[in-house]
Amino acid sequence: MTIQTRHTDEARWQAVLDRDANADGQFVFAVLTTGIFCRPSCRARHALRQNVRFFNDASAALAGGFRPCKRCQPDTLSPEQQKIAKVAHACRLLEQDRPVTLDALAQAVAVSPYHFHRLFKSVTGLTPKAWQQAWRANRLREALSEGRPVTEAVLAAGFPSSSSYYRHADSLLGMTAATRRRGGEAAEIHYTVGECSLGRCLVALSERGVCAVLLGDDDASLLAELQRSFPAARLLAAGAEVSAATRTVMASLEPHAAALTLPLDIQGTAFQQQVWQALRAIPTGETRSYRQVAEAIGKPNAVRAVASACAANRLAILVPCHRVVRGDGSLSGYRWGVARKARLLAREKAQESEC
């Protein structure tokens, strides 16, 4: 279900009656007869509606002469915000060259290692180790794009010098480090253009998996978009074997299709990969706002950066950036057109209602 911002007193009162934790942080309510203000999710007995007043935040309620509830503590971070703050702090600790142990991270945020591992993955979609590897991969991309020697770039990014770690760093780039340093000039990408329920569709595969799913109205513009996405790669029309794989991808884009089992070659910065992982965690038939996605990856102030990451997504539907909407639930921009976004959301909602 889409989480909506409560702008009216009627909507806010309903959230209080429902004790809706999703409304925590959007407003607080105060009770005239007790002089106390609470979170919407407070478990205390409900007051009469005529005795309730709403404030945008705790500071406004305090300025109005009300005291914070000792039970729900509305003048502190909500439990969800506390989780996000802990994960955001851990992310900052992971942004360093040396490995950080799970025990050290858990101690830094004052929780057990087991609980921290579950908490971190629930917020970011990645394990702490995978998150740091993605951050290092981004550092490696930046160093290679500056033309630094491969060995120097790998060490500067924080990867150990052992060959096992070096191979892992290469896989995170989507190509070898030497190829990345040359701008991807040796990479080969095979593509097919066909018809799907959303118009023309281009599917492209690299040696590592599906690297692009593009939607459009004509083949020429789709091919031009693929060229812009991979300017240094060799683009080749798919042969019979590859065409069969691309047809499988196209079939997976249709309603009620089986889940795609082919690997995805998701190339992007560490931040983009975090966003895209969060998008893939949004259930079919549901939406999230840009702010909710930013909060889910532990960076609540990165709303615009989340929008940019959505716009940079090259894997239409497979990485469901169409499930991200404005805070009021209205549709925002979509790389392949707002009309397609509306159609996708409508058919997903209808599909879920049939289940």
Protein backbone atom coordinates (compact mmCIF):
# COMPACT_ATOMS: atom_id res chain seq x y z
CA MET A 1 0.00 0.00 0.00
CA THR A 2 1.27 3.48 -0.85
CA ILE A 3 2.10 5.60 2.19
CA GLN A 4 0.50 9.04 1.88
CA THR A 5 1.41 12.29 3.61
CA ARG A 6 -1.41 13.50 5.88
CA HIS A 7 -2.18 17.13 5.07
CA THR A 8 -5.70 17.50 6.49
CA ASP A 9 -6.92 17.20 10.07
CA GLU A 10 -9.36 14.48 8.96
CA ALA A 11 -6.57 12.36 7.52
CA ARG A 12 -4.42 12.96 10.59
CA TRP A 13 -7.22 11.98 12.97
CA GLN A 14 -7.77 8.76 11.03
CA ALA A 15 -4.04 7.99 11.35
CA VAL A 16 -4.32 8.54 15.11
CA LEU A 17 -7.34 6.21 15.31
CA ASP A 18 -5.39 3.60 13.31
CA ARG A 19 -2.26 4.17 15.41
CA ASP A 20 -0.46 4.28 12.06
CA ALA A 21 3.31 4.15 12.61
CA ASN A 22 3.82 5.28 9.00
CA ALA A 23 2.45 8.69 10.04
CA ASP A 24 5.09 9.13 12.76
CA GLY A 25 7.30 12.06 11.86
CA GLN A 26 4.61 13.69 9.71
CA PHE A 27 2.85 15.38 12.65
CA VAL A 28 2.07 15.11 16.36
CA PHE A 29 -1.25 15.49 18.14
CA ALA A 30 -1.93 17.19 21.47
CA VAL A 31 -4.75 16.64 23.99
CA LEU A 32 -6.17 19.80 25.54
CA THR A 33 -7.43 18.07 28.71
CA THR A 34 -4.05 16.55 29.63
CA GLY A 35 -1.63 19.06 28.08
CA ILE A 36 0.32 16.20 26.49
CA PHE A 37 1.28 15.60 22.86
CA CYS A 38 1.97 12.23 21.23
CA ARG A 39 3.00 10.44 18.06
CA PRO A 40 0.18 9.16 15.81
CA SER A 41 1.14 5.59 16.74
CA CYS A 42 0.97 6.14 20.51
CA ARG A 43 -0.75 3.21 22.26
CA ALA A 44 -2.36 5.39 24.93
CA ARG A 45 -6.15 5.55 25.13
CA HIS A 46 -7.70 7.84 22.52
CA ALA A 47 -8.97 11.24 23.58
CA LEU A 48 -12.20 12.76 22.30
CA ARG A 49 -11.79 14.36 18.87
CA GLN A 50 -12.90 17.80 20.10
CA ASN A 51 -10.02 17.80 22.60
CA VAL A 52 -7.33 17.03 20.01
CA ARG A 53 -5.13 19.55 18.19
CA PHE A 54 -2.51 18.79 15.51
CA PHE A 55 0.99 20.23 15.11
CA ASN A 56 3.51 19.72 12.31
CA ASP A 57 6.28 18.70 14.71
CA ALA A 58 7.27 18.41 18.36
CA SER A 59 8.83 21.88 18.53
CA ALA A 60 5.53 23.46 17.49
CA ALA A 61 3.68 21.47 20.15
CA LEU A 62 6.21 22.48 22.79
CA ALA A 63 5.84 26.12 21.74
CA GLY A 64 2.09 25.69 22.18
CA GLY A 65 2.60 24.79 25.84
CA PHE A 66 2.19 20.99 25.62
CA ARG A 67 4.42 18.35 27.23
CA PRO A 68 5.78 15.27 25.41
CA CYS A 69 4.23 11.92 26.21
CA LYS A 70 6.54 9.76 28.33
CA ARG A 71 5.21 6.63 26.68
CA CYS A 72 5.80 7.35 22.97
CA GLN A 73 8.44 10.12 23.41
CA PRO A 74 7.36 12.23 20.42
CA ASP A 75 10.22 14.71 20.96
CA THR A 76 12.80 12.04 20.02
CA LEU A 77 13.41 10.21 16.77
CA SER A 78 10.80 7.61 15.88
CA PRO A 79 11.90 3.96 16.04
CA GLU A 80 12.10 3.88 12.24
CA GLN A 81 14.15 7.08 12.16
CA GLN A 82 16.44 5.67 14.85
CA LYS A 83 17.05 2.61 12.68
CA ILE A 84 17.86 4.80 9.68
CA ALA A 85 20.19 6.96 11.77
CA LYS A 86 22.08 3.88 13.00
CA VAL A 87 22.49 2.54 9.47
CA ALA A 88 23.53 5.96 8.13
CA HIS A 89 26.23 6.14 10.83
CA ALA A 90 27.41 2.64 9.91
CA CYS A 91 27.60 3.62 6.23
CA ARG A 92 29.92 6.50 7.13
CA LEU A 93 32.14 4.04 9.04
CA LEU A 94 32.23 1.73 6.02
CA GLU A 95 33.45 4.54 3.75
CA GLN A 96 37.11 3.90 4.45
CA ASP A 97 39.92 1.91 2.90
CA ARG A 98 40.32 -0.63 5.71
CA PRO A 99 37.77 -3.42 6.26
CA VAL A 100 35.43 -2.87 9.21
CA THR A 101 34.30 -5.93 11.13
CA LEU A 102 30.65 -6.63 11.84
CA ASP A 103 31.38 -6.60 15.57
CA ALA A 104 32.94 -3.13 15.34
CA LEU A 105 29.98 -1.75 13.40
CA ALA A 106 27.48 -3.28 15.82
CA GLN A 107 29.37 -1.85 18.81
CA ALA A 108 29.43 1.61 17.19
CA VAL A 109 25.62 1.69 16.98
CA ALA A 110 25.07 -0.14 20.29
CA VAL A 111 23.27 -3.27 19.04
CA SER A 112 24.22 -6.93 18.79
CA PRO A 113 26.06 -8.09 15.62
CA TYR A 114 23.16 -10.37 14.65
CA HIS A 115 20.57 -7.62 15.08
CA PHE A 116 22.77 -5.08 13.27
CA HIS A 117 23.26 -7.35 10.25
CA ARG A 118 19.48 -7.78 9.89
CA LEU A 119 18.86 -4.07 10.49
CA PHE A 120 21.45 -2.95 7.91
CA LYS A 121 20.13 -5.27 5.21
CA SER A 122 16.49 -4.34 5.90
CA VAL A 123 17.28 -0.64 5.37
CA THR A 124 19.81 -0.74 2.50
CA GLY A 125 19.00 -4.04 0.81
CA LEU A 126 22.69 -4.98 1.09
CA THR A 127 24.86 -6.64 3.70
CA PRO A 128 27.53 -4.38 5.29
CA LYS A 129 30.22 -6.25 3.36
CA ALA A 130 28.39 -5.86 0.03
CA TRP A 131 27.76 -2.17 0.76
CA GLN A 132 31.46 -1.52 1.35
CA GLN A 133 32.39 -3.48 -1.78
CA ALA A 134 29.97 -1.34 -3.81
CA TRP A 135 31.51 1.81 -2.31
CA ARG A 136 34.98 0.58 -3.20
CA ALA A 137 33.85 -0.26 -6.71
CA ASN A 138 32.69 3.33 -7.12
CA ARG A 139 36.08 4.58 -5.90
CA LEU A 140 37.72 2.25 -8.41
CA ARG A 141 35.59 3.58 -11.27
CA GLU A 142 36.49 7.15 -10.39
CA ALA A 143 40.22 6.37 -10.21
CA LEU A 144 40.18 4.48 -13.51
CA SER A 145 38.23 7.24 -15.26
CA GLU A 146 41.01 9.64 -14.20
CA GLY A 147 43.48 7.45 -16.10
CA ARG A 148 45.35 6.13 -13.06
CA PRO A 149 47.20 2.81 -13.50
CA VAL A 150 45.05 -0.23 -12.73
CA THR A 151 47.11 -1.49 -9.76
CA GLU A 152 47.30 1.97 -8.24
CA ALA A 153 43.54 2.49 -8.72
CA VAL A 154 42.69 -0.87 -7.11
CA LEU A 155 44.83 -0.11 -4.05
CA ALA A 156 43.55 3.49 -3.80
CA ALA A 157 39.98 2.19 -3.79
CA GLY A 158 40.76 0.09 -0.71
CA PHE A 159 40.88 -3.36 -2.33
CA PRO A 160 43.58 -5.74 -1.00
CA SER A 161 46.30 -6.74 -3.46
CA SER A 162 45.36 -10.43 -3.48
CA SER A 163 44.15 -11.82 -6.79
CA SER A 164 40.87 -13.10 -5.29
CA TYR A 165 39.83 -9.63 -4.21
CA TYR A 166 41.08 -8.16 -7.47
CA ARG A 167 38.83 -10.49 -9.47
CA HIS A 168 35.89 -9.51 -7.28
CA ALA A 169 36.60 -5.83 -7.87
CA ASP A 170 36.57 -6.49 -11.62
CA SER A 171 33.17 -8.16 -11.46
CA LEU A 172 31.68 -5.14 -9.73
CA LEU A 173 32.75 -2.96 -12.67
CA GLY A 174 30.87 -5.05 -15.21
CA MET A 175 34.11 -5.41 -17.18
CA THR A 176 37.81 -5.81 -16.47
CA ALA A 177 39.58 -2.90 -14.80
CA ALA A 178 41.83 -2.45 -17.83
CA THR A 179 38.81 -2.25 -20.13
CA ARG A 180 37.12 0.24 -17.82
CA ARG A 181 40.24 2.42 -17.83
CA ARG A 182 40.08 2.52 -21.65
CA GLY A 183 36.43 3.63 -21.50
CA GLY A 184 34.92 0.20 -22.16
CA GLU A 185 36.22 0.16 -25.71
CA ALA A 186 36.65 -3.62 -25.78
CA ALA A 187 33.23 -4.46 -24.37
CA GLU A 188 30.76 -6.15 -26.71
CA ILE A 189 27.01 -5.68 -26.25
CA HIS A 190 24.49 -7.71 -28.23
CA TYR A 191 21.01 -6.29 -28.66
CA THR A 192 17.59 -7.09 -30.11
CA VAL A 193 14.65 -4.76 -30.76
CA GLY A 194 11.09 -6.09 -30.71
CA GLU A 195 7.49 -5.31 -29.84
CA CYS A 196 6.02 -5.52 -26.34
CA SER A 197 2.81 -4.33 -24.71
CA LEU A 198 4.46 -0.98 -23.96
CA GLY A 199 5.65 -0.29 -27.51
CA ARG A 200 9.04 -0.98 -29.01
CA CYS A 201 11.57 -2.56 -26.66
CA LEU A 202 15.34 -2.97 -26.91
CA VAL A 203 17.05 -5.64 -24.82
CA ALA A 204 20.85 -5.71 -24.61
CA LEU A 205 23.17 -8.30 -23.10
CA SER A 206 26.81 -8.02 -22.11
CA GLU A 207 29.03 -10.96 -21.26
CA ARG A 208 27.80 -10.68 -17.67
CA GLY A 209 24.05 -10.48 -18.20
CA VAL A 210 21.18 -8.19 -19.17
CA CYS A 211 22.64 -4.68 -19.22
CA ALA A 212 19.79 -2.65 -20.77
CA VAL A 213 16.04 -2.82 -21.28
CA LEU A 214 14.87 0.32 -23.09
CA LEU A 215 11.34 1.32 -24.10
CA GLY A 216 10.39 3.65 -26.93
CA ASP A 217 8.37 4.32 -30.06
CA ASP A 218 10.89 3.57 -32.81
CA ASP A 219 13.98 1.44 -33.28
CA ALA A 220 16.30 4.27 -34.28
CA SER A 221 15.80 6.22 -31.05
CA LEU A 222 16.24 3.07 -28.96
CA LEU A 223 19.53 2.24 -30.65
CA ALA A 224 20.70 5.83 -30.20
CA GLU A 225 19.84 5.60 -26.49
CA LEU A 226 21.83 2.38 -26.18
CA GLN A 227 24.79 4.04 -27.88
CA ARG A 228 24.65 6.97 -25.45
CA SER A 229 24.51 4.57 -22.51
CA PHE A 230 27.58 2.61 -23.65
CA PRO A 231 29.52 5.07 -25.83
CA ALA A 232 32.75 3.06 -26.01
CA ALA A 233 31.28 -0.43 -26.43
CA ARG A 234 30.85 -2.40 -29.65
CA LEU A 235 27.13 -2.77 -30.33
CA LEU A 236 26.24 -5.92 -32.25
CA ALA A 237 22.87 -7.18 -33.47
CA ALA A 238 22.14 -10.36 -31.56
CA GLY A 239 22.63 -13.71 -33.22
CA ALA A 240 20.21 -16.62 -32.88
CA GLU A 241 21.48 -17.81 -29.49
CA VAL A 242 21.49 -14.35 -27.93
CA SER A 243 18.16 -13.47 -29.56
CA ALA A 244 16.53 -16.35 -27.70
CA ALA A 245 17.76 -14.89 -24.41
CA THR A 246 16.52 -11.41 -25.29
CA ARG A 247 13.10 -12.81 -26.20
CA THR A 248 13.01 -14.39 -22.74
CA VAL A 249 13.67 -10.97 -21.24
CA MET A 250 10.89 -9.36 -23.31
CA ALA A 251 8.46 -12.06 -22.27
CA SER A 252 9.27 -11.37 -18.60
CA LEU A 253 8.12 -7.77 -19.00
CA GLU A 254 4.52 -8.78 -19.68
CA PRO A 255 1.77 -9.14 -17.03
CA HIS A 256 1.64 -12.48 -15.17
CA ALA A 257 5.03 -13.48 -16.65
CA ALA A 258 7.36 -15.81 -14.80
CA ALA A 259 10.28 -14.22 -12.94
CA LEU A 260 13.37 -13.63 -15.03
CA THR A 261 16.19 -16.06 -14.21
CA LEU A 262 18.88 -14.49 -16.40
CA PRO A 263 21.58 -12.53 -14.52
CA LEU A 264 21.50 -8.73 -14.58
CA ASP A 265 24.58 -6.67 -15.38
CA ILE A 266 23.79 -3.66 -13.20
CA GLN A 267 26.48 -1.03 -13.70
CA GLY A 268 26.39 2.13 -11.63
CA THR A 269 27.90 4.00 -8.74
CA ALA A 270 27.66 2.66 -5.20
CA PHE A 271 24.82 5.09 -4.49
CA GLN A 272 22.94 4.17 -7.67
CA GLN A 273 23.23 0.47 -6.85
CA GLN A 274 21.82 1.16 -3.38
CA VAL A 275 18.85 2.96 -4.90
CA TRP A 276 18.24 0.30 -7.53
CA GLN A 277 18.42 -2.44 -4.91
CA ALA A 278 15.80 -0.57 -2.87
CA LEU A 279 13.58 -0.25 -5.95
CA ARG A 280 13.72 -4.00 -6.56
CA ALA A 281 12.48 -4.51 -2.99
CA ILE A 282 9.23 -2.59 -3.66
CA PRO A 283 6.46 -5.19 -4.04
CA THR A 284 4.42 -5.35 -7.24
CA GLY A 285 1.36 -3.14 -7.02
CA GLU A 286 2.91 -0.77 -4.46
CA THR A 287 4.72 2.56 -4.76
CA ARG A 288 7.16 4.61 -2.70
CA SER A 289 8.00 8.30 -2.69
CA TYR A 290 11.50 9.53 -3.47
CA ARG A 291 11.89 10.49 0.18
CA GLN A 292 10.88 7.02 1.33
CA VAL A 293 13.49 5.47 -0.95
CA ALA A 294 16.10 7.91 0.38
CA GLU A 295 15.18 6.94 3.93
CA ALA A 296 15.28 3.24 3.03
CA ILE A 297 18.94 3.49 2.00
CA GLY A 298 19.88 5.50 5.08
CA LYS A 299 20.24 8.87 3.33
CA PRO A 300 17.02 10.80 4.05
CA ASN A 301 18.38 14.07 2.66
CA ALA A 302 19.35 12.58 -0.71
CA VAL A 303 15.90 12.91 -2.31
CA ARG A 304 17.15 14.62 -5.48
CA ALA A 305 20.01 12.15 -5.81
CA VAL A 306 17.49 9.30 -5.58
CA ALA A 307 15.49 10.90 -8.39
CA SER A 308 18.67 11.15 -10.49
CA ALA A 309 19.47 7.49 -9.83
CA CYS A 310 15.97 6.53 -10.96
CA ALA A 311 16.46 8.55 -14.14
CA ALA A 312 19.80 6.81 -14.77
CA ASN A 313 18.27 3.32 -14.61
CA ARG A 314 18.79 1.42 -17.88
CA LEU A 315 16.78 -1.67 -16.93
CA ALA A 316 13.15 -0.73 -17.44
CA ILE A 317 10.66 -2.78 -15.35
CA LEU A 318 13.39 -5.18 -14.16
CA VAL A 319 14.60 -2.37 -11.88
CA PRO A 320 11.16 -0.87 -11.23
CA CYS A 321 11.83 2.86 -11.09
CA HIS A 322 8.23 3.31 -12.27
CA ARG A 323 7.12 2.46 -8.72
CA VAL A 324 8.57 5.72 -7.36
CA VAL A 325 6.14 8.65 -7.20
CA ARG A 326 5.92 12.10 -5.64
CA GLY A 327 5.22 12.49 -1.93
CA ASP A 328 1.55 13.25 -2.61
CA GLY A 329 1.18 10.07 -4.67
CA SER A 330 1.07 11.82 -8.06
CA LEU A 331 3.20 10.60 -10.96
CA SER A 332 6.56 12.21 -11.59
CA GLY A 333 8.84 11.96 -14.61
CA TYR A 334 9.82 8.64 -16.15
CA ARG A 335 12.71 7.99 -18.50
CA TRP A 336 10.40 6.32 -21.01
CA GLY A 337 7.38 8.62 -20.61
CA VAL A 338 4.82 9.27 -17.87
CA ALA A 339 2.09 7.59 -19.95
CA ARG A 340 4.03 4.30 -19.85
CA LYS A 341 4.57 4.76 -16.12
CA ALA A 342 0.83 5.15 -15.57
CA ARG A 343 0.10 2.05 -17.66
CA LEU A 344 2.66 -0.01 -15.75
CA LEU A 345 1.29 1.03 -12.35
CA ALA A 346 -2.30 0.46 -13.43
CA ARG A 347 -1.66 -3.03 -14.74
CA GLU A 348 0.41 -3.98 -11.65
CA LYS A 349 -2.37 -2.79 -9.36
CA ALA A 350 -4.92 -4.74 -11.39
CA GLN A 351 -2.67 -7.80 -11.35
CA GLU A 352 -2.36 -7.68 -7.56
CA SER A 353 -6.11 -7.26 -7.10
CA GLU A 354 -6.64 -10.49 -9.05
CA CYS A 355 -4.45 -12.44 -6.67
